[in-house]
């Protein structure tokens, strides 16, 4: 067999079987195992039990937010991120919200979704 035929056969193999190993864009989104909010750089005057309860209530009223044991949805995540920024802006506090999506090692197909709020 010539070198040319070996290369063509190898390329055909990669095209047929290699592409099937790549995850398709329509693959199922991971399920949310946990959704959490962490605050960084706040003091006791701006982050106390009353404010945390108000934040939880505010987020609880969102219709379109990420929920545990549902598929991860980027639009819902963006919506909740904007809601958190709005909540703190209404209180005169500038924040930056970063989102972390971490796979759950013991549960393939599940992730932890965490909203990290940094006071500016």
Protein backbone atom coordinates (compact mmCIF):
# COMPACT_ATOMS: atom_id res chain seq x y z
CA UNK A 1 0.00 0.00 0.00
CA UNK A 2 1.41 3.37 -0.93
CA UNK A 3 2.00 6.16 1.53
CA UNK A 4 -0.70 8.22 -0.20
CA UNK A 5 -3.34 5.52 0.38
CA UNK A 6 -2.34 5.19 4.04
CA UNK A 7 -2.72 8.95 4.54
CA UNK A 8 -6.12 9.01 2.78
CA UNK A 9 -7.31 6.00 4.82
CA UNK A 10 -6.12 7.66 8.03
CA UNK A 11 -7.86 10.90 7.16
CA UNK A 12 -11.07 9.05 6.35
CA UNK A 13 -10.86 7.23 9.69
CA UNK A 14 -10.42 10.52 11.57
CA UNK A 15 -13.31 12.14 9.75
CA UNK A 16 -15.69 9.24 10.32
CA UNK A 17 -14.81 8.26 13.85
CA UNK A 18 -12.90 11.17 15.32
CA UNK A 19 -15.68 13.70 14.81
CA UNK A 20 -18.13 11.44 16.61
CA UNK A 21 -15.98 11.80 19.73
CA UNK A 22 -16.31 15.55 19.73
CA UNK A 23 -19.31 16.76 21.69
CA UNK A 24 -21.97 18.20 19.45
CA UNK A 25 -23.40 21.68 20.17
CA UNK A 26 -26.80 20.05 20.76
CA UNK A 27 -25.49 17.77 23.51
CA UNK A 28 -27.50 17.78 26.71
CA UNK A 29 -26.56 20.56 29.12
CA UNK A 30 -25.30 19.43 32.53
CA UNK A 31 -27.72 19.35 35.43
CA UNK A 32 -27.31 21.83 38.28
CA UNK A 33 -26.47 20.02 41.49
CA UNK A 34 -26.17 23.23 43.52
CA UNK A 35 -26.68 26.95 42.95
CA UNK A 36 -24.92 29.25 45.40
CA UNK A 37 -24.10 32.88 46.05
CA UNK A 38 -20.90 33.97 47.80
CA UNK A 39 -20.03 37.49 48.91
CA UNK A 40 -16.47 38.82 48.93
CA UNK A 41 -15.15 42.10 50.37
CA UNK A 42 -18.27 43.07 52.31
CA UNK A 43 -18.27 44.23 55.91
CA UNK A 44 -20.82 43.52 58.63
CA UNK A 45 -22.56 46.85 58.06
CA UNK A 46 -23.38 46.12 54.42
CA UNK A 47 -23.80 42.34 54.60
CA UNK A 48 -25.85 41.25 57.57
CA UNK A 49 -28.69 38.78 58.08
CA UNK A 50 -31.33 41.31 57.09
CA UNK A 51 -29.64 42.14 53.76
CA UNK A 52 -28.93 38.47 52.99
CA UNK A 53 -32.60 37.65 53.62
CA UNK A 54 -33.66 40.54 51.35
CA UNK A 55 -31.30 39.27 48.64
CA UNK A 56 -32.70 35.73 48.93
CA UNK A 57 -36.25 37.07 48.75
CA UNK A 58 -35.38 39.23 45.74
CA UNK A 59 -33.86 36.25 43.91
CA UNK A 60 -36.77 34.04 44.95
CA UNK A 61 -39.12 36.35 43.07
CA UNK A 62 -37.23 35.89 39.80
CA UNK A 63 -39.27 33.78 37.41
CA UNK A 64 -36.38 32.88 35.14
CA UNK A 65 -33.53 31.78 37.40
CA UNK A 66 -31.32 28.70 37.59
CA UNK A 67 -32.72 25.95 39.80
CA UNK A 68 -31.23 22.77 41.23
CA UNK A 69 -31.75 19.59 39.17
CA UNK A 70 -32.54 21.52 36.00
CA UNK A 71 -30.33 21.81 32.94
CA UNK A 72 -27.77 24.61 32.93
CA UNK A 73 -29.06 27.55 30.90
CA UNK A 74 -26.78 30.46 30.02
CA UNK A 75 -29.71 32.90 29.62
CA UNK A 76 -31.00 32.13 33.10
CA UNK A 77 -27.50 32.50 34.51
CA UNK A 78 -27.06 35.89 32.81
CA UNK A 79 -30.48 36.98 34.07
CA UNK A 80 -29.61 36.09 37.68
CA UNK A 81 -26.21 37.79 37.38
CA UNK A 82 -27.92 41.00 36.21
CA UNK A 83 -30.47 40.70 39.04
CA UNK A 84 -27.70 40.46 41.63
CA UNK A 85 -25.94 43.50 40.18
CA UNK A 86 -29.25 45.40 40.21
CA UNK A 87 -30.01 44.39 43.82
CA UNK A 88 -26.73 45.82 45.08
CA UNK A 89 -26.83 48.88 42.80
CA UNK A 90 -30.22 49.79 44.36
CA UNK A 91 -28.44 49.86 47.72
CA UNK A 92 -25.70 52.16 46.43
CA UNK A 93 -23.03 49.46 46.42
CA UNK A 94 -20.95 48.76 43.32
CA UNK A 95 -20.31 45.07 42.77
CA UNK A 96 -18.87 42.77 40.18
CA UNK A 97 -20.52 39.37 39.79
CA UNK A 98 -18.48 36.48 38.42
CA UNK A 99 -19.99 33.12 37.62
CA UNK A 100 -18.21 29.81 38.25
CA UNK A 101 -19.40 26.53 36.80
CA UNK A 102 -17.63 23.55 38.37
CA UNK A 103 -18.12 19.88 37.43
CA UNK A 104 -19.14 17.56 40.26
CA UNK A 105 -16.44 14.85 40.34
CA UNK A 106 -18.70 12.24 41.92
CA UNK A 107 -21.64 12.89 39.57
CA UNK A 108 -20.84 13.02 35.86
CA UNK A 109 -23.17 15.35 34.00
CA UNK A 110 -23.75 17.54 37.09
CA UNK A 111 -22.23 20.93 37.93
CA UNK A 112 -22.08 23.45 40.75
CA UNK A 113 -23.16 26.96 39.71
CA UNK A 114 -21.78 29.73 41.91
CA UNK A 115 -22.30 33.47 41.75
CA UNK A 116 -19.35 35.30 43.35
CA UNK A 117 -20.20 38.88 44.29
CA UNK A 118 -17.19 41.15 44.77
CA UNK A 119 -17.69 44.53 46.36
CA UNK A 120 -15.85 47.21 44.35
